Every structure is written in C-alpha cells, then in structure tokens.
Amino acid sequence: MGRYYICNGKVSSQKISNKFSPLLKNKQLVCLGIPDNYKFMQPELIQILESKVKGIVAI
C-alpha cells in the first residue's frame, strides 16, 4: 500500500478523514487545494495535478 492518500480539496480531505480514519493510520493525507472548477480530464487540470503531485510522489 502507498504512503499517501491524495485528494483535491479540503472538503474531500475532511470526508476521507471522517470516513476512513482507521485506514489512514501511518499514512499521510495530502490536500492539493485544487478548486472543483474543471471538467474531467481538462488539460489545465491535468497540468495542475502533474505539477502538484510531482512534488509528492515520483510520476
């Protein structure tokens, strides 16, 4: 299993923490802080995701 759980915003991170806290033991929940203003696979969103995630995990 990975060491990180990555989500897009604070609301998502709060929901994940509340619902799955036992599964997050010894894991880091990382919030990327990306607003939910993009369509699925929108090129601008992909660029943002790649740049933010690159600093966290090897892609």
C-alpha atoms as a PDB file:
ATOM      1  CA  MET A   1       0.000   0.000   0.000  1.00  0.00           C
ATOM      2  CA  GLY A   2       1.093   3.573  -0.623  1.00  0.00           C
ATOM      3  CA  ARG A   3       2.162   6.048   1.990  1.00  0.00           C
ATOM      4  CA  TYR A   4      -0.085   8.842   0.714  1.00  0.00           C
ATOM      5  CA  TYR A   5      -3.728   9.476   0.034  1.00  0.00           C
ATOM      6  CA  ILE A   6      -4.161  12.477  -2.221  1.00  0.00           C
ATOM      7  CA  CYS A   7      -7.362  14.492  -2.579  1.00  0.00           C
ATOM      8  CA  ASN A   8      -8.253  17.674  -4.383  1.00  0.00           C
ATOM      9  CA  GLY A   9      -9.756  19.902  -1.706  1.00  0.00           C
ATOM     10  CA  LYS A  10     -10.365  20.458   1.997  1.00  0.00           C
ATOM     11  CA  VAL A  11     -13.940  19.160   1.891  1.00  0.00           C
ATOM     12  CA  SER A  12     -12.737  15.926   0.300  1.00  0.00           C
ATOM     13  CA  SER A  13      -9.969  15.544   2.858  1.00  0.00           C
ATOM     14  CA  GLN A  14     -12.395  16.067   5.747  1.00  0.00           C
ATOM     15  CA  LYS A  15     -14.807  13.472   4.350  1.00  0.00           C
ATOM     16  CA  ILE A  16     -11.997  10.980   3.811  1.00  0.00           C
ATOM     17  CA  SER A  17     -10.608  11.583   7.307  1.00  0.00           C
ATOM     18  CA  ASN A  18     -14.008  11.153   8.927  1.00  0.00           C
ATOM     19  CA  LYS A  19     -14.997   8.049   6.983  1.00  0.00           C
ATOM     20  CA  PHE A  20     -11.690   6.211   6.710  1.00  0.00           C
ATOM     21  CA  SER A  21      -9.600   7.336   9.678  1.00  0.00           C
ATOM     22  CA  PRO A  22      -8.614   3.746  10.666  1.00  0.00           C
ATOM     23  CA  LEU A  23      -7.236   3.184   7.157  1.00  0.00           C
ATOM     24  CA  LEU A  24      -5.178   6.379   7.327  1.00  0.00           C
ATOM     25  CA  LYS A  25      -3.063   5.115  10.199  1.00  0.00           C
ATOM     26  CA  ASN A  26       0.621   5.614   9.293  1.00  0.00           C
ATOM     27  CA  LYS A  27      -0.407   7.365   6.066  1.00  0.00           C
ATOM     28  CA  GLN A  28      -0.331  10.996   5.066  1.00  0.00           C
ATOM     29  CA  LEU A  29      -3.469  12.613   3.654  1.00  0.00           C
ATOM     30  CA  VAL A  30      -2.389  15.315   1.223  1.00  0.00           C
ATOM     31  CA  CYS A  31      -4.813  18.015   0.114  1.00  0.00           C
ATOM     32  CA  LEU A  32      -3.847  19.593  -3.207  1.00  0.00           C
ATOM     33  CA  GLY A  33      -6.141  22.597  -2.786  1.00  0.00           C
ATOM     34  CA  ILE A  34      -7.498  22.464  -6.334  1.00  0.00           C
ATOM     35  CA  PRO A  35     -10.907  24.115  -6.777  1.00  0.00           C
ATOM     36  CA  ASP A  36     -13.641  21.988  -8.316  1.00  0.00           C
ATOM     37  CA  ASN A  37     -13.889  24.223 -11.404  1.00  0.00           C
ATOM     38  CA  TYR A  38     -12.587  21.822 -14.041  1.00  0.00           C
ATOM     39  CA  LYS A  39     -14.128  19.241 -16.299  1.00  0.00           C
ATOM     40  CA  PHE A  40     -12.971  15.633 -16.287  1.00  0.00           C
ATOM     41  CA  MET A  41      -9.529  15.351 -17.920  1.00  0.00           C
ATOM     42  CA  GLN A  42      -9.445  19.071 -18.765  1.00  0.00           C
ATOM     43  CA  PRO A  43      -5.885  19.847 -19.949  1.00  0.00           C
ATOM     44  CA  GLU A  44      -5.439  22.684 -17.428  1.00  0.00           C
ATOM     45  CA  LEU A  45      -6.471  20.352 -14.598  1.00  0.00           C
ATOM     46  CA  ILE A  46      -4.026  17.692 -15.752  1.00  0.00           C
ATOM     47  CA  GLN A  47      -1.203  20.265 -15.764  1.00  0.00           C
ATOM     48  CA  ILE A  48      -2.083  21.392 -12.235  1.00  0.00           C
ATOM     49  CA  LEU A  49      -2.303  17.810 -10.983  1.00  0.00           C
ATOM     50  CA  GLU A  50       1.017  16.839 -12.535  1.00  0.00           C
ATOM     51  CA  SER A  51       2.830  19.847 -11.089  1.00  0.00           C
ATOM     52  CA  LYS A  52       1.387  19.422  -7.574  1.00  0.00           C
ATOM     53  CA  VAL A  53       1.690  15.651  -7.370  1.00  0.00           C
ATOM     54  CA  LYS A  54       5.222  15.658  -8.787  1.00  0.00           C
ATOM     55  CA  GLY A  55       6.437  17.258  -5.559  1.00  0.00           C
ATOM     56  CA  ILE A  56       4.834  14.471  -3.505  1.00  0.00           C
ATOM     57  CA  VAL A  57       5.371  11.239  -5.426  1.00  0.00           C
ATOM     58  CA  ALA A  58       7.503  10.129  -8.347  1.00  0.00           C
ATOM     59  CA  ILE A  59       5.494  10.248 -11.572  1.00  0.00           C
END
